[in-house]
Amino acid sequence: VHYMGHLLGNTLTTADTGTLSLDHDFYSRWVLTGTGAVTLQADNWVDGDTGHVVVDTSKQTISIPAAWITGGADIVSTPGIYVLELVKVN
């Protein structure tokens, strides 16, 4: 059973690079498998939404918008596989 909207448990696995839309109307988890530069962009998130991005920083260079709070996470200096938790708070 799949539920549309902001209570999704659906995962998108993508090799896309460039600007990646994290569209919360369709997914709540994104697994990045490509190589190269990726800029994350949040679309259709509302207060309280959570999501997860799985990224391998030894293969991908991730750009996170400056307005996003990272909690001091440094995913660039130590390459590896990370699960980033995103939460919309507004």
C-alpha atoms as a PDB file:
ATOM      1  CA  VAL A   1       0.000   0.000   0.000  1.00  0.00           C
ATOM      2  CA  HIS A   2       1.366   3.427  -0.939  1.00  0.00           C
ATOM      3  CA  TYR A   3       0.094   6.655   0.554  1.00  0.00           C
ATOM      4  CA  MET A   4       0.536   9.907  -1.331  1.00  0.00           C
ATOM      5  CA  GLY A   5       1.368  13.071   0.520  1.00  0.00           C
ATOM      6  CA  HIS A   6       3.704  13.875   3.340  1.00  0.00           C
ATOM      7  CA  LEU A   7       3.541  10.589   5.295  1.00  0.00           C
ATOM      8  CA  LEU A   8       5.342   8.590   2.618  1.00  0.00           C
ATOM      9  CA  GLY A   9       7.819   5.833   3.197  1.00  0.00           C
ATOM     10  CA  ASN A  10       8.850   5.662  -0.461  1.00  0.00           C
ATOM     11  CA  THR A  11      12.500   5.640  -1.563  1.00  0.00           C
ATOM     12  CA  LEU A  12      13.950   7.052  -4.774  1.00  0.00           C
ATOM     13  CA  THR A  13      17.293   5.606  -5.857  1.00  0.00           C
ATOM     14  CA  THR A  14      18.875   7.911  -8.399  1.00  0.00           C
ATOM     15  CA  ALA A  15      22.152   8.343 -10.272  1.00  0.00           C
ATOM     16  CA  ASP A  16      21.184  11.919 -11.200  1.00  0.00           C
ATOM     17  CA  THR A  17      23.716  14.678 -10.704  1.00  0.00           C
ATOM     18  CA  GLY A  18      23.328  18.440 -10.940  1.00  0.00           C
ATOM     19  CA  THR A  19      20.370  19.828  -9.010  1.00  0.00           C
ATOM     20  CA  LEU A  20      18.351  17.108  -7.315  1.00  0.00           C
ATOM     21  CA  SER A  21      14.809  17.921  -6.220  1.00  0.00           C
ATOM     22  CA  LEU A  22      13.933  16.277  -2.918  1.00  0.00           C
ATOM     23  CA  ASP A  23      10.205  16.385  -3.637  1.00  0.00           C
ATOM     24  CA  HIS A  24       8.425  15.374  -0.444  1.00  0.00           C
ATOM     25  CA  ASP A  25       5.129  14.934  -2.308  1.00  0.00           C
ATOM     26  CA  PHE A  26       6.536  11.688  -3.730  1.00  0.00           C
ATOM     27  CA  TYR A  27       9.383  10.423  -1.525  1.00  0.00           C
ATOM     28  CA  SER A  28      10.853  10.674   1.958  1.00  0.00           C
ATOM     29  CA  ARG A  29      14.131   8.835   1.252  1.00  0.00           C
ATOM     30  CA  TRP A  30      16.665   9.412  -1.492  1.00  0.00           C
ATOM     31  CA  VAL A  31      19.641   7.164  -2.242  1.00  0.00           C
ATOM     32  CA  LEU A  32      22.265   8.858  -4.424  1.00  0.00           C
ATOM     33  CA  THR A  33      24.272   6.390  -6.523  1.00  0.00           C
ATOM     34  CA  GLY A  34      25.813   8.592  -9.212  1.00  0.00           C
ATOM     35  CA  THR A  35      29.209  10.237  -9.384  1.00  0.00           C
ATOM     36  CA  GLY A  36      29.846  13.960  -9.574  1.00  0.00           C
ATOM     37  CA  ALA A  37      28.424  17.140  -8.106  1.00  0.00           C
ATOM     38  CA  VAL A  38      24.910  17.191  -6.635  1.00  0.00           C
ATOM     39  CA  THR A  39      23.036  20.215  -5.290  1.00  0.00           C
ATOM     40  CA  LEU A  40      20.120  19.354  -3.025  1.00  0.00           C
ATOM     41  CA  GLN A  41      16.870  21.308  -3.319  1.00  0.00           C
ATOM     42  CA  ALA A  42      13.855  20.753  -1.037  1.00  0.00           C
ATOM     43  CA  ASP A  43      10.454  20.927  -2.733  1.00  0.00           C
ATOM     44  CA  ASN A  44       6.979  20.570  -1.183  1.00  0.00           C
ATOM     45  CA  TRP A  45       8.144  20.229   2.415  1.00  0.00           C
ATOM     46  CA  VAL A  46       5.887  21.423   5.235  1.00  0.00           C
ATOM     47  CA  ASP A  47       6.571  21.968   8.925  1.00  0.00           C
ATOM     48  CA  GLY A  48       7.362  18.653  10.604  1.00  0.00           C
ATOM     49  CA  ASP A  49       8.323  16.709   7.465  1.00  0.00           C
ATOM     50  CA  THR A  50      11.385  14.473   7.758  1.00  0.00           C
ATOM     51  CA  GLY A  51      13.446  12.784   5.092  1.00  0.00           C
ATOM     52  CA  HIS A  52      16.708  10.909   4.645  1.00  0.00           C
ATOM     53  CA  VAL A  53      19.396  11.201   1.986  1.00  0.00           C
ATOM     54  CA  VAL A  54      21.977   8.413   1.608  1.00  0.00           C
ATOM     55  CA  VAL A  55      25.150   9.724  -0.010  1.00  0.00           C
ATOM     56  CA  ASP A  56      28.658   8.373  -0.659  1.00  0.00           C
ATOM     57  CA  THR A  57      30.921  11.419  -0.443  1.00  0.00           C
ATOM     58  CA  SER A  58      33.836   9.471  -1.917  1.00  0.00           C
ATOM     59  CA  LYS A  59      31.851   9.458  -5.198  1.00  0.00           C
ATOM     60  CA  GLN A  60      29.701  12.587  -4.930  1.00  0.00           C
ATOM     61  CA  THR A  61      30.313  16.192  -3.998  1.00  0.00           C
ATOM     62  CA  ILE A  62      27.192  17.434  -2.204  1.00  0.00           C
ATOM     63  CA  SER A  63      26.126  21.062  -2.042  1.00  0.00           C
ATOM     64  CA  ILE A  64      23.663  21.861   0.705  1.00  0.00           C
ATOM     65  CA  PRO A  65      21.896  25.259   0.655  1.00  0.00           C
ATOM     66  CA  ALA A  66      23.357  27.711   3.181  1.00  0.00           C
ATOM     67  CA  ALA A  67      19.892  28.196   4.749  1.00  0.00           C
ATOM     68  CA  TRP A  68      19.862  24.548   5.863  1.00  0.00           C
ATOM     69  CA  ILE A  69      21.190  23.939   9.362  1.00  0.00           C
ATOM     70  CA  THR A  70      23.753  21.137   9.301  1.00  0.00           C
ATOM     71  CA  GLY A  71      24.383  20.790  13.023  1.00  0.00           C
ATOM     72  CA  GLY A  72      28.118  20.956  12.393  1.00  0.00           C
ATOM     73  CA  ALA A  73      28.221  17.817  10.262  1.00  0.00           C
ATOM     74  CA  ASP A  74      31.348  17.696   8.081  1.00  0.00           C
ATOM     75  CA  ILE A  75      30.666  15.251   5.267  1.00  0.00           C
ATOM     76  CA  VAL A  76      33.428  16.636   3.047  1.00  0.00           C
ATOM     77  CA  SER A  77      36.608  16.169   5.100  1.00  0.00           C
ATOM     78  CA  THR A  78      35.986  12.483   5.817  1.00  0.00           C
ATOM     79  CA  PRO A  79      34.711  10.724   2.667  1.00  0.00           C
ATOM     80  CA  GLY A  80      32.322   7.868   3.244  1.00  0.00           C
ATOM     81  CA  ILE A  81      28.697   6.787   3.214  1.00  0.00           C
ATOM     82  CA  TYR A  82      26.378   9.056   5.191  1.00  0.00           C
ATOM     83  CA  VAL A  83      22.680   9.089   5.987  1.00  0.00           C
ATOM     84  CA  LEU A  84      21.591  12.710   6.262  1.00  0.00           C
ATOM     85  CA  GLU A  85      18.384  13.344   8.175  1.00  0.00           C
ATOM     86  CA  LEU A  86      16.448  16.382   6.971  1.00  0.00           C
ATOM     87  CA  VAL A  87      13.702  17.973   9.043  1.00  0.00           C
ATOM     88  CA  LYS A  88      11.564  20.942   8.023  1.00  0.00           C
ATOM     89  CA  VAL A  89      11.091  23.258  10.994  1.00  0.00           C
ATOM     90  CA  ASN A  90       9.289  26.523  10.393  1.00  0.00           C
END
